[in-house]
Amino acid sequence: MGNICVVPGDTVIRTVDDMLDLMMNMQYRYGCDALIIDGRQLNPDFFDLKTGLAGEILQKFANYNMRLGIVGDFSVYRSKNLHDFMRESNRYGKIVFADTVERAKELLSQ
């Protein structure tokens, strides 16, 4: 179902432009149509839905028809809205949240 690439661990995404640059680089250099990134590599504001950062970043993935897997321990976040959002995202499979890279690959491949 396409080429799933794991983002190198030294990559840090602070802004929407950082993510867009990463997407374009990974797509053109490696032919990726899906990325997997560790949640710790994302600006913490991503997980605070009120900031709008997650919505802006995820809109880029929709615009460029790419998929995204975010890996981590999401139990540290207390927001019911965030957990509802993650559950709904996993249901559709374009953006997935998983506890391991292997699980993210599995969800993105469905």
PDB file of N, CA and C in Angstrom:
ATOM      1  N   MET A   1       0.823  -1.192   0.000  1.00  0.00           N
ATOM      2  CA  MET A   1       0.000   0.000   0.000  1.00  0.00           C
ATOM      3  C   MET A   1       0.865   1.253   0.000  1.00  0.00           C
ATOM      4  N   GLY A   2       2.033   1.179  -0.574  1.00  0.00           N
ATOM      5  CA  GLY A   2       2.894   2.340  -0.645  1.00  0.00           C
ATOM      6  C   GLY A   2       4.115   2.195   0.225  1.00  0.00           C
ATOM      7  N   ASN A   3       4.911   3.228   0.221  1.00  0.00           N
ATOM      8  CA  ASN A   3       6.174   3.230   0.931  1.00  0.00           C
ATOM      9  C   ASN A   3       6.031   3.976   2.258  1.00  0.00           C
ATOM     10  N   ILE A   4       6.151   3.243   3.348  1.00  0.00           N
ATOM     11  CA  ILE A   4       6.056   3.822   4.685  1.00  0.00           C
ATOM     12  C   ILE A   4       7.475   4.072   5.186  1.00  0.00           C
ATOM     13  N   CYS A   5       7.776   5.305   5.549  1.00  0.00           N
ATOM     14  CA  CYS A   5       9.111   5.681   6.013  1.00  0.00           C
ATOM     15  C   CYS A   5       9.063   6.140   7.465  1.00  0.00           C
ATOM     16  N   VAL A   6      10.062   5.713   8.220  1.00  0.00           N
ATOM     17  CA  VAL A   6      10.188   6.136   9.607  1.00  0.00           C
ATOM     18  C   VAL A   6      11.088   7.370   9.635  1.00  0.00           C
ATOM     19  N   VAL A   7      10.617   8.427  10.256  1.00  0.00           N
ATOM     20  CA  VAL A   7      11.350   9.686  10.341  1.00  0.00           C
ATOM     21  C   VAL A   7      12.551   9.500  11.267  1.00  0.00           C
ATOM     22  N   PRO A   8      13.741   9.939  10.829  1.00  0.00           N
ATOM     23  CA  PRO A   8      14.927   9.810  11.676  1.00  0.00           C
ATOM     24  C   PRO A   8      14.725  10.456  13.046  1.00  0.00           C
ATOM     25  N   GLY A   9      15.296   9.845  14.072  1.00  0.00           N
ATOM     26  CA  GLY A   9      15.093  10.268  15.454  1.00  0.00           C
ATOM     27  C   GLY A   9      15.606  11.643  15.805  1.00  0.00           C
ATOM     28  N   ASP A  10      16.505  12.196  14.995  1.00  0.00           N
ATOM     29  CA  ASP A  10      17.043  13.517  15.310  1.00  0.00           C
ATOM     30  C   ASP A  10      16.202  14.650  14.718  1.00  0.00           C
ATOM     31  N   THR A  11      15.133  14.309  14.040  1.00  0.00           N
ATOM     32  CA  THR A  11      14.236  15.302  13.441  1.00  0.00           C
ATOM     33  C   THR A  11      13.307  15.856  14.508  1.00  0.00           C
ATOM     34  N   VAL A  12      13.152  17.175  14.531  1.00  0.00           N
ATOM     35  CA  VAL A  12      12.235  17.822  15.470  1.00  0.00           C
ATOM     36  C   VAL A  12      11.286  18.703  14.666  1.00  0.00           C
ATOM     37  N   ILE A  13      10.004  18.548  14.923  1.00  0.00           N
ATOM     38  CA  ILE A  13       8.978  19.318  14.230  1.00  0.00           C
ATOM     39  C   ILE A  13       8.403  20.337  15.200  1.00  0.00           C
ATOM     40  N   ARG A  14       8.684  21.603  14.941  1.00  0.00           N
ATOM     41  CA  ARG A  14       8.182  22.669  15.804  1.00  0.00           C
ATOM     42  C   ARG A  14       7.004  23.414  15.188  1.00  0.00           C
ATOM     43  N   THR A  15       6.996  23.472  13.850  1.00  0.00           N
ATOM     44  CA  THR A  15       5.994  24.279  13.144  1.00  0.00           C
ATOM     45  C   THR A  15       5.381  23.488  11.992  1.00  0.00           C
ATOM     46  N   VAL A  16       4.328  24.045  11.439  1.00  0.00           N
ATOM     47  CA  VAL A  16       3.695  23.444  10.264  1.00  0.00           C
ATOM     48  C   VAL A  16       4.693  23.406   9.113  1.00  0.00           C
ATOM     49  N   ASP A  17       5.468  24.468   8.949  1.00  0.00           N
ATOM     50  CA  ASP A  17       6.459  24.507   7.871  1.00  0.00           C
ATOM     51  C   ASP A  17       7.530  23.436   8.048  1.00  0.00           C
ATOM     52  N   ASP A  18       7.928  23.162   9.289  1.00  0.00           N
ATOM     53  CA  ASP A  18       8.884  22.074   9.537  1.00  0.00           C
ATOM     54  C   ASP A  18       8.322  20.757   9.025  1.00  0.00           C
ATOM     55  N   MET A  19       7.049  20.505   9.316  1.00  0.00           N
ATOM     56  CA  MET A  19       6.427  19.256   8.882  1.00  0.00           C
ATOM     57  C   MET A  19       6.301  19.216   7.369  1.00  0.00           C
ATOM     58  N   LEU A  20       5.917  20.321   6.769  1.00  0.00           N
ATOM     59  CA  LEU A  20       5.784  20.365   5.314  1.00  0.00           C
ATOM     60  C   LEU A  20       7.125  20.109   4.641  1.00  0.00           C
ATOM     61  N   ASP A  21       8.188  20.707   5.148  1.00  0.00           N
ATOM     62  CA  ASP A  21       9.528  20.461   4.608  1.00  0.00           C
ATOM     63  C   ASP A  21       9.899  18.989   4.727  1.00  0.00           C
ATOM     64  N   LEU A  22       9.616  18.394   5.886  1.00  0.00           N
ATOM     65  CA  LEU A  22       9.904  16.979   6.096  1.00  0.00           C
ATOM     66  C   LEU A  22       9.111  16.120   5.118  1.00  0.00           C
ATOM     67  N   MET A  23       7.827  16.409   4.972  1.00  0.00           N
ATOM     68  CA  MET A  23       6.981  15.637   4.065  1.00  0.00           C
ATOM     69  C   MET A  23       7.532  15.659   2.645  1.00  0.00           C
ATOM     70  N   MET A  24       7.852  16.842   2.161  1.00  0.00           N
ATOM     71  CA  MET A  24       8.329  16.981   0.788  1.00  0.00           C
ATOM     72  C   MET A  24       9.686  16.289   0.609  1.00  0.00           C
ATOM     73  N   ASN A  25      10.557  16.446   1.586  1.00  0.00           N
ATOM     74  CA  ASN A  25      11.870  15.816   1.530  1.00  0.00           C
ATOM     75  C   ASN A  25      11.739  14.291   1.491  1.00  0.00           C
ATOM     76  N   MET A  26      10.950  13.743   2.392  1.00  0.00           N
ATOM     77  CA  MET A  26      10.786  12.287   2.464  1.00  0.00           C
ATOM     78  C   MET A  26      10.057  11.751   1.235  1.00  0.00           C
ATOM     79  N   GLN A  27       9.107  12.507   0.722  1.00  0.00           N
ATOM     80  CA  GLN A  27       8.362  12.053  -0.445  1.00  0.00           C
ATOM     81  C   GLN A  27       9.246  12.024  -1.686  1.00  0.00           C
ATOM     82  N   TYR A  28       9.971  13.096  -1.911  1.00  0.00           N
ATOM     83  CA  TYR A  28      10.773  13.177  -3.136  1.00  0.00           C
ATOM     84  C   TYR A  28      12.079  12.412  -3.042  1.00  0.00           C
ATOM     85  N   ARG A  29      12.695  12.380  -1.887  1.00  0.00           N
ATOM     86  CA  ARG A  29      13.981  11.685  -1.742  1.00  0.00           C
ATOM     87  C   ARG A  29      13.801  10.174  -1.639  1.00  0.00           C
ATOM     88  N   TYR A  30      12.771   9.728  -0.912  1.00  0.00           N
ATOM     89  CA  TYR A  30      12.621   8.303  -0.634  1.00  0.00           C
ATOM     90  C   TYR A  30      11.329   7.695  -1.181  1.00  0.00           C
ATOM     91  N   GLY A  31      10.492   8.490  -1.806  1.00  0.00           N
ATOM     92  CA  GLY A  31       9.244   7.968  -2.353  1.00  0.00           C
ATOM     93  C   GLY A  31       8.214   7.595  -1.307  1.00  0.00           C
ATOM     94  N   CYS A  32       8.273   8.228  -0.156  1.00  0.00           N
ATOM     95  CA  CYS A  32       7.347   7.911   0.936  1.00  0.00           C
ATOM     96  C   CYS A  32       5.952   8.454   0.633  1.00  0.00           C
ATOM     97  N   ASP A  33       4.957   7.641   0.909  1.00  0.00           N
ATOM     98  CA  ASP A  33       3.586   8.164   0.885  1.00  0.00           C
ATOM     99  C   ASP A  33       2.952   8.055   2.267  1.00  0.00           C
ATOM    100  N   ALA A  34       3.761   7.622   3.230  1.00  0.00           N
ATOM    101  CA  ALA A  34       3.343   7.587   4.635  1.00  0.00           C
ATOM    102  C   ALA A  34       4.581   7.783   5.499  1.00  0.00           C
ATOM    103  N   LEU A  35       4.410   8.519   6.578  1.00  0.00           N
ATOM    104  CA  LEU A  35       5.499   8.757   7.528  1.00  0.00           C
ATOM    105  C   LEU A  35       5.110   8.243   8.892  1.00  0.00           C
ATOM    106  N   ILE A  36       6.099   7.746   9.616  1.00  0.00           N
ATOM    107  CA  ILE A  36       5.911   7.388  11.018  1.00  0.00           C
ATOM    108  C   ILE A  36       6.900   8.219  11.807  1.00  0.00           C
ATOM    109  N   ILE A  37       6.383   8.914  12.823  1.00  0.00           N
ATOM    110  CA  ILE A  37       7.214   9.779  13.654  1.00  0.00           C
ATOM    111  C   ILE A  37       6.927   9.508  15.122  1.00  0.00           C
ATOM    112  N   ASP A  38       7.951   9.593  15.931  1.00  0.00           N
ATOM    113  CA  ASP A  38       7.784   9.458  17.376  1.00  0.00           C
ATOM    114  C   ASP A  38       7.134  10.738  17.891  1.00  0.00           C
ATOM    115  N   GLY A  39       6.136  10.613  18.713  1.00  0.00           N
ATOM    116  CA  GLY A  39       5.426  11.769  19.250  1.00  0.00           C
ATOM    117  C   GLY A  39       6.331  12.745  19.988  1.00  0.00           C
ATOM    118  N   ARG A  40       7.446  12.255  20.529  1.00  0.00           N
ATOM    119  CA  ARG A  40       8.382  13.133  21.240  1.00  0.00           C
ATOM    120  C   ARG A  40       9.120  14.069  20.291  1.00  0.00           C
ATOM    121  N   GLN A  41       9.048  13.792  18.996  1.00  0.00           N
ATOM    122  CA  GLN A  41       9.689  14.647  18.003  1.00  0.00           C
ATOM    123  C   GLN A  41       8.791  15.817  17.599  1.00  0.00           C
ATOM    124  N   LEU A  42       7.554  15.796  18.057  1.00  0.00           N
ATOM    125  CA  LEU A  42       6.596  16.845  17.729  1.00  0.00           C
ATOM    126  C   LEU A  42       6.552  17.906  18.823  1.00  0.00           C
ATOM    127  N   ASN A  43       6.323  19.118  18.422  1.00  0.00           N
ATOM    128  CA  ASN A  43       6.095  20.214  19.353  1.00  0.00           C
ATOM    129  C   ASN A  43       4.982  19.780  20.317  1.00  0.00           C
ATOM    130  N   PRO A  44       5.175  19.915  21.624  1.00  0.00           N
ATOM    131  CA  PRO A  44       4.128  19.513  22.578  1.00  0.00           C
ATOM    132  C   PRO A  44       2.775  20.165  22.308  1.00  0.00           C
ATOM    133  N   ASP A  45       2.769  21.329  21.664  1.00  0.00           N
ATOM    134  CA  ASP A  45       1.505  21.986  21.319  1.00  0.00           C
ATOM    135  C   ASP A  45       0.649  21.137  20.378  1.00  0.00           C
ATOM    136  N   PHE A  46       1.273  20.214  19.662  1.00  0.00           N
ATOM    137  CA  PHE A  46       0.529  19.329  18.768  1.00  0.00           C
ATOM    138  C   PHE A  46      -0.560  18.585  19.544  1.00  0.00           C
ATOM    139  N   PHE A  47      -0.246  18.190  20.765  1.00  0.00           N
ATOM    140  CA  PHE A  47      -1.162  17.381  21.563  1.00  0.00           C
ATOM    141  C   PHE A  47      -2.145  18.207  22.382  1.00  0.00           C
ATOM    142  N   ASP A  48      -2.068  19.519  22.250  1.00  0.00           N
ATOM    143  CA  ASP A  48      -3.042  20.423  22.861  1.00  0.00           C
ATOM    144  C   ASP A  48      -3.920  20.933  21.714  1.00  0.00           C
ATOM    145  N   LEU A  49      -5.054  20.299  21.523  1.00  0.00           N
ATOM    146  CA  LEU A  49      -5.890  20.585  20.352  1.00  0.00           C
ATOM    147  C   LEU A  49      -6.306  22.043  20.260  1.00  0.00           C
ATOM    148  N   LYS A  50      -6.348  22.746  21.387  1.00  0.00           N
ATOM    149  CA  LYS A  50      -6.751  24.151  21.381  1.00  0.00           C
ATOM    150  C   LYS A  50      -5.776  25.040  20.608  1.00  0.00           C
ATOM    151  N   THR A  51      -4.516  24.613  20.453  1.00  0.00           N
ATOM    152  CA  THR A  51      -3.529  25.441  19.748  1.00  0.00           C
ATOM    153  C   THR A  51      -3.757  25.436  18.241  1.00  0.00           C
ATOM    154  N   GLY A  52      -4.422  24.403  17.730  1.00  0.00           N
ATOM    155  CA  GLY A  52      -4.667  24.300  16.295  1.00  0.00           C
ATOM    156  C   GLY A  52      -3.503  23.714  15.512  1.00  0.00           C
ATOM    157  N   LEU A  53      -2.372  23.462  16.170  1.00  0.00           N
ATOM    158  CA  LEU A  53      -1.208  22.941  15.463  1.00  0.00           C
ATOM    159  C   LEU A  53      -1.485  21.578  14.839  1.00  0.00           C
ATOM    160  N   ALA A  54      -2.115  20.697  15.583  1.00  0.00           N
ATOM    161  CA  ALA A  54      -2.418  19.361  15.045  1.00  0.00           C
ATOM    162  C   ALA A  54      -3.301  19.476  13.805  1.00  0.00           C
ATOM    163  N   GLY A  55      -4.325  20.295  13.873  1.00  0.00           N
ATOM    164  CA  GLY A  55      -5.219  20.460  12.724  1.00  0.00           C
ATOM    165  C   GLY A  55      -4.495  20.979  11.501  1.00  0.00           C
ATOM    166  N   GLU A  56      -3.622  21.956  11.699  1.00  0.00           N
ATOM    167  CA  GLU A  56      -2.880  22.515  10.568  1.00  0.00           C
ATOM    168  C   GLU A  56      -1.935  21.493   9.958  1.00  0.00           C
ATOM    169  N   ILE A  57      -1.227  20.755  10.813  1.00  0.00           N
ATOM    170  CA  ILE A  57      -0.298  19.739  10.311  1.00  0.00           C
ATOM    171  C   ILE A  57      -1.049  18.620   9.604  1.00  0.00           C
ATOM    172  N   LEU A  58      -2.117  18.146  10.209  1.00  0.00           N
ATOM    173  CA  LEU A  58      -2.852  17.032   9.609  1.00  0.00           C
ATOM    174  C   LEU A  58      -3.529  17.447   8.310  1.00  0.00           C
ATOM    175  N   GLN A  59      -3.889  18.704   8.184  1.00  0.00           N
ATOM    176  CA  GLN A  59      -4.456  19.198   6.927  1.00  0.00           C
ATOM    177  C   GLN A  59      -3.436  19.086   5.796  1.00  0.00           C
ATOM    178  N   LYS A  60      -2.154  19.301   6.095  1.00  0.00           N
ATOM    179  CA  LYS A  60      -1.102  19.156   5.079  1.00  0.00           C
ATOM    180  C   LYS A  60      -1.051  17.719   4.580  1.00  0.00           C
ATOM    181  N   PHE A  61      -1.205  16.771   5.486  1.00  0.00           N
ATOM    182  CA  PHE A  61      -1.191  15.364   5.074  1.00  0.00           C
ATOM    183  C   PHE A  61      -2.381  15.066   4.165  1.00  0.00           C
ATOM    184  N   ALA A  62      -3.530  15.630   4.473  1.00  0.00           N
ATOM    185  CA  ALA A  62      -4.706  15.451   3.622  1.00  0.00           C
ATOM    186  C   ALA A  62      -4.476  16.097   2.256  1.00  0.00           C
ATOM    187  N   ASN A  63      -3.942  17.317   2.252  1.00  0.00           N
ATOM    188  CA  ASN A  63      -3.711  18.041   0.999  1.00  0.00           C
ATOM    189  C   ASN A  63      -2.765  17.297   0.070  1.00  0.00           C
ATOM    190  N   TYR A  64      -1.752  16.655   0.631  1.00  0.00           N
ATOM    191  CA  TYR A  64      -0.739  15.970  -0.177  1.00  0.00           C
ATOM    192  C   TYR A  64      -0.978  14.464  -0.258  1.00  0.00           C
ATOM    193  N   ASN A  65      -2.146  14.023   0.194  1.00  0.00           N
ATOM    194  CA  ASN A  65      -2.539  12.620   0.128  1.00  0.00           C
ATOM    195  C   ASN A  65      -1.465  11.694   0.715  1.00  0.00           C
ATOM    196  N   MET A  66      -0.953  12.087   1.868  1.00  0.00           N
ATOM    197  CA  MET A  66       0.011  11.260   2.585  1.00  0.00           C
ATOM    198  C   MET A  66      -0.635  10.794   3.890  1.00  0.00           C
ATOM    199  N   ARG A  67      -0.122   9.704   4.405  1.00  0.00           N
ATOM    200  CA  ARG A  67      -0.602   9.164   5.676  1.00  0.00           C
ATOM    201  C   ARG A  67       0.459   9.398   6.750  1.00  0.00           C
ATOM    202  N   LEU A  68       0.029   9.387   8.008  1.00  0.00           N
ATOM    203  CA  LEU A  68       0.932   9.665   9.117  1.00  0.00           C
ATOM    204  C   LEU A  68       0.660   8.719  10.270  1.00  0.00           C
ATOM    205  N   GLY A  69       1.722   8.161  10.813  1.00  0.00           N
ATOM    206  CA  GLY A  69       1.655   7.384  12.035  1.00  0.00           C
ATOM    207  C   GLY A  69       2.438   8.101  13.116  1.00  0.00           C
ATOM    208  N   ILE A  70       1.841   8.264  14.266  1.00  0.00           N
ATOM    209  CA  ILE A  70       2.504   8.897  15.399  1.00  0.00           C
ATOM    210  C   ILE A  70       2.615   7.841  16.492  1.00  0.00           C
ATOM    211  N   VAL A  71       3.837   7.644  16.968  1.00  0.00           N
ATOM    212  CA  VAL A  71       4.117   6.580  17.920  1.00  0.00           C
ATOM    213  C   VAL A  71       4.444   7.173  19.282  1.00  0.00           C
ATOM    214  N   GLY A  72       3.897   6.559  20.323  1.00  0.00           N
ATOM    215  CA  GLY A  72       4.238   7.022  21.662  1.00  0.00           C
ATOM    216  C   GLY A  72       3.318   6.464  22.726  1.00  0.00           C
ATOM    217  N   ASP A  73       3.554   6.931  23.932  1.00  0.00           N
ATOM    218  CA  ASP A  73       2.708   6.603  25.074  1.00  0.00           C
ATOM    219  C   ASP A  73       1.771   7.788  25.279  1.00  0.00           C
ATOM    220  N   PHE A  74       0.557   7.649  24.801  1.00  0.00           N
ATOM    221  CA  PHE A  74      -0.392   8.757  24.826  1.00  0.00           C
ATOM    222  C   PHE A  74      -1.209   8.800  26.109  1.00  0.00           C
ATOM    223  N   SER A  75      -0.957   7.863  27.009  1.00  0.00           N
ATOM    224  CA  SER A  75      -1.682   7.853  28.282  1.00  0.00           C
ATOM    225  C   SER A  75      -1.293   9.050  29.148  1.00  0.00           C
ATOM    226  N   VAL A  76      -0.178   9.691  28.830  1.00  0.00           N
ATOM    227  CA  VAL A  76       0.258  10.847  29.618  1.00  0.00           C
ATOM    228  C   VAL A  76      -0.623  12.072  29.365  1.00  0.00           C
ATOM    229  N   TYR A  77      -1.393  12.039  28.294  1.00  0.00           N
ATOM    230  CA  TYR A  77      -2.279  13.161  27.972  1.00  0.00           C
ATOM    231  C   TYR A  77      -3.649  12.902  28.579  1.00  0.00           C
ATOM    232  N   ARG A  78      -4.167  13.869  29.296  1.00  0.00           N
ATOM    233  CA  ARG A  78      -5.422  13.713  30.034  1.00  0.00           C
ATOM    234  C   ARG A  78      -6.653  14.185  29.262  1.00  0.00           C
ATOM    235  N   SER A  79      -6.455  14.822  28.136  1.00  0.00           N
ATOM    236  CA  SER A  79      -7.563  15.413  27.389  1.00  0.00           C
ATOM    237  C   SER A  79      -8.471  14.346  26.771  1.00  0.00           C
ATOM    238  N   LYS A  80      -9.733  14.373  27.159  1.00  0.00           N
ATOM    239  CA  LYS A  80     -10.712  13.460  26.562  1.00  0.00           C
ATOM    240  C   LYS A  80     -10.858  13.750  25.075  1.00  0.00           C
ATOM    241  N   ASN A  81     -10.855  15.027  24.707  1.00  0.00           N
ATOM    242  CA  ASN A  81     -10.982  15.392  23.289  1.00  0.00           C
ATOM    243  C   ASN A  81      -9.834  14.823  22.469  1.00  0.00           C
ATOM    244  N   LEU A  82      -8.623  14.878  23.005  1.00  0.00           N
ATOM    245  CA  LEU A  82      -7.467  14.331  22.293  1.00  0.00           C
ATOM    246  C   LEU A  82      -7.612  12.830  22.115  1.00  0.00           C
ATOM    247  N   HIS A  83      -8.006  12.135  23.165  1.00  0.00           N
ATOM    248  CA  HIS A  83      -8.155  10.678  23.068  1.00  0.00           C
ATOM    249  C   HIS A  83      -9.291  10.302  22.113  1.00  0.00           C
ATOM    250  N   ASP A  84     -10.369  11.071  22.118  1.00  0.00           N
ATOM    251  CA  ASP A  84     -11.458  10.837  21.162  1.00  0.00           C
ATOM    252  C   ASP A  84     -10.955  11.047  19.737  1.00  0.00           C
ATOM    253  N   PHE A  85     -10.182  12.115  19.539  1.00  0.00           N
ATOM    254  CA  PHE A  85      -9.613  12.416  18.229  1.00  0.00           C
ATOM    255  C   PHE A  85      -8.698  11.273  17.763  1.00  0.00           C
ATOM    256  N   MET A  86      -7.855  10.767  18.646  1.00  0.00           N
ATOM    257  CA  MET A  86      -6.950   9.671  18.287  1.00  0.00           C
ATOM    258  C   MET A  86      -7.730   8.411  17.922  1.00  0.00           C
ATOM    259  N   ARG A  87      -8.758   8.122  18.681  1.00  0.00           N
ATOM    260  CA  ARG A  87      -9.571   6.937  18.413  1.00  0.00           C
ATOM    261  C   ARG A  87     -10.249   7.045  17.036  1.00  0.00           C
ATOM    262  N   GLU A  88     -10.823   8.209  16.745  1.00  0.00           N
ATOM    263  CA  GLU A  88     -11.467   8.426  15.441  1.00  0.00           C
ATOM    264  C   GLU A  88     -10.456   8.369  14.306  1.00  0.00           C
ATOM    265  N   SER A  89      -9.291   8.955  14.516  1.00  0.00           N
ATOM    266  CA  SER A  89      -8.249   8.926  13.493  1.00  0.00           C
ATOM    267  C   SER A  89      -7.852   7.498  13.169  1.00  0.00           C
ATOM    268  N   ASN A  90      -7.653   6.687  14.183  1.00  0.00           N
ATOM    269  CA  ASN A  90      -7.258   5.287  13.968  1.00  0.00           C
ATOM    270  C   ASN A  90      -8.331   4.526  13.203  1.00  0.00           C
ATOM    271  N   ARG A  91      -9.573   4.916  13.397  1.00  0.00           N
ATOM    272  CA  ARG A  91     -10.672   4.240  12.710  1.00  0.00           C
ATOM    273  C   ARG A  91     -10.598   4.425  11.196  1.00  0.00           C
ATOM    274  N   TYR A  92     -10.141   5.601  10.768  1.00  0.00           N
ATOM    275  CA  TYR A  92     -10.100   5.896   9.336  1.00  0.00           C
ATOM    276  C   TYR A  92      -8.773   5.539   8.688  1.00  0.00           C
ATOM    277  N   GLY A  93      -7.690   5.474   9.442  1.00  0.00           N
ATOM    278  CA  GLY A  93      -6.436   4.951   8.938  1.00  0.00           C
ATOM    279  C   GLY A  93      -5.521   5.880   8.167  1.00  0.00           C
ATOM    280  N   LYS A  94      -5.899   7.119   7.958  1.00  0.00           N
ATOM    281  CA  LYS A  94      -5.004   8.057   7.263  1.00  0.00           C
ATOM    282  C   LYS A  94      -3.998   8.651   8.240  1.00  0.00           C
ATOM    283  N   ILE A  95      -4.449   8.916   9.447  1.00  0.00           N
ATOM    284  CA  ILE A  95      -3.615   9.378  10.545  1.00  0.00           C
ATOM    285  C   ILE A  95      -3.833   8.378  11.670  1.00  0.00           C
ATOM    286  N   VAL A  96      -2.747   7.758  12.145  1.00  0.00           N
ATOM    287  CA  VAL A  96      -2.907   6.745  13.190  1.00  0.00           C
ATOM    288  C   VAL A  96      -1.982   7.042  14.363  1.00  0.00           C
ATOM    289  N   PHE A  97      -2.421   6.631  15.525  1.00  0.00           N
ATOM    290  CA  PHE A  97      -1.654   6.755  16.747  1.00  0.00           C
ATOM    291  C   PHE A  97      -1.435   5.344  17.268  1.00  0.00           C
ATOM    292  N   ALA A  98      -0.186   5.000  17.564  1.00  0.00           N
ATOM    293  CA  ALA A  98       0.135   3.638  17.979  1.00  0.00           C
ATOM    294  C   ALA A  98       1.228   3.658  19.037  1.00  0.00           C
ATOM    295  N   ASP A  99       1.355   2.536  19.749  1.00  0.00           N
ATOM    296  CA  ASP A  99       2.376   2.475  20.795  1.00  0.00           C
ATOM    297  C   ASP A  99       3.726   1.993  20.277  1.00  0.00           C
ATOM    298  N   THR A 100       3.763   1.402  19.076  1.00  0.00           N
ATOM    299  CA  THR A 100       5.034   0.956  18.498  1.00  0.00           C
ATOM    300  C   THR A 100       5.064   1.276  17.005  1.00  0.00           C
ATOM    301  N   VAL A 101       6.269   1.311  16.465  1.00  0.00           N
ATOM    302  CA  VAL A 101       6.436   1.523  15.019  1.00  0.00           C
ATOM    303  C   VAL A 101       5.765   0.388  14.246  1.00  0.00           C
ATOM    304  N   GLU A 102       5.928  -0.837  14.741  1.00  0.00           N
ATOM    305  CA  GLU A 102       5.337  -1.990  14.055  1.00  0.00           C
ATOM    306  C   GLU A 102       3.821  -1.874  13.987  1.00  0.00           C
ATOM    307  N   ARG A 103       3.205  -1.453  15.087  1.00  0.00           N
ATOM    308  CA  ARG A 103       1.741  -1.290  15.111  1.00  0.00           C
ATOM    309  C   ARG A 103       1.318  -0.160  14.181  1.00  0.00           C
ATOM    310  N   ALA A 104       2.078   0.919  14.139  1.00  0.00           N
ATOM    311  CA  ALA A 104       1.765   2.025  13.228  1.00  0.00           C
ATOM    312  C   ALA A 104       1.837   1.549  11.777  1.00  0.00           C
ATOM    313  N   LYS A 105       2.856   0.768  11.445  1.00  0.00           N
ATOM    314  CA  LYS A 105       2.975   0.232  10.080  1.00  0.00           C
ATOM    315  C   LYS A 105       1.768  -0.638   9.739  1.00  0.00           C
ATOM    316  N   GLU A 106       1.380  -1.463  10.691  1.00  0.00           N
ATOM    317  CA  GLU A 106       0.221  -2.342  10.491  1.00  0.00           C
ATOM    318  C   GLU A 106      -1.041  -1.520  10.231  1.00  0.00           C
ATOM    319  N   LEU A 107      -1.280  -0.502  11.026  1.00  0.00           N
ATOM    320  CA  LEU A 107      -2.472   0.324  10.866  1.00  0.00           C
ATOM    321  C   LEU A 107      -2.436   1.111   9.542  1.00  0.00           C
ATOM    322  N   LEU A 108      -1.276   1.604   9.167  1.00  0.00           N
ATOM    323  CA  LEU A 108      -1.167   2.363   7.918  1.00  0.00           C
ATOM    324  C   LEU A 108      -1.275   1.468   6.692  1.00  0.00           C
ATOM    325  N   SER A 109      -1.032   0.187   6.859  1.00  0.00           N
ATOM    326  CA  SER A 109      -1.083  -0.747   5.726  1.00  0.00           C
ATOM    327  C   SER A 109      -2.475  -1.322   5.472  1.00  0.00           C
ATOM    328  N   GLN A 110      -3.397  -1.040   6.357  1.00  0.00           N
ATOM    329  CA  GLN A 110      -4.763  -1.600   6.211  1.00  0.00           C
ATOM    330  C   GLN A 110      -5.546  -0.868   5.160  1.00  0.00           C
TER     331      GLN A 110
END
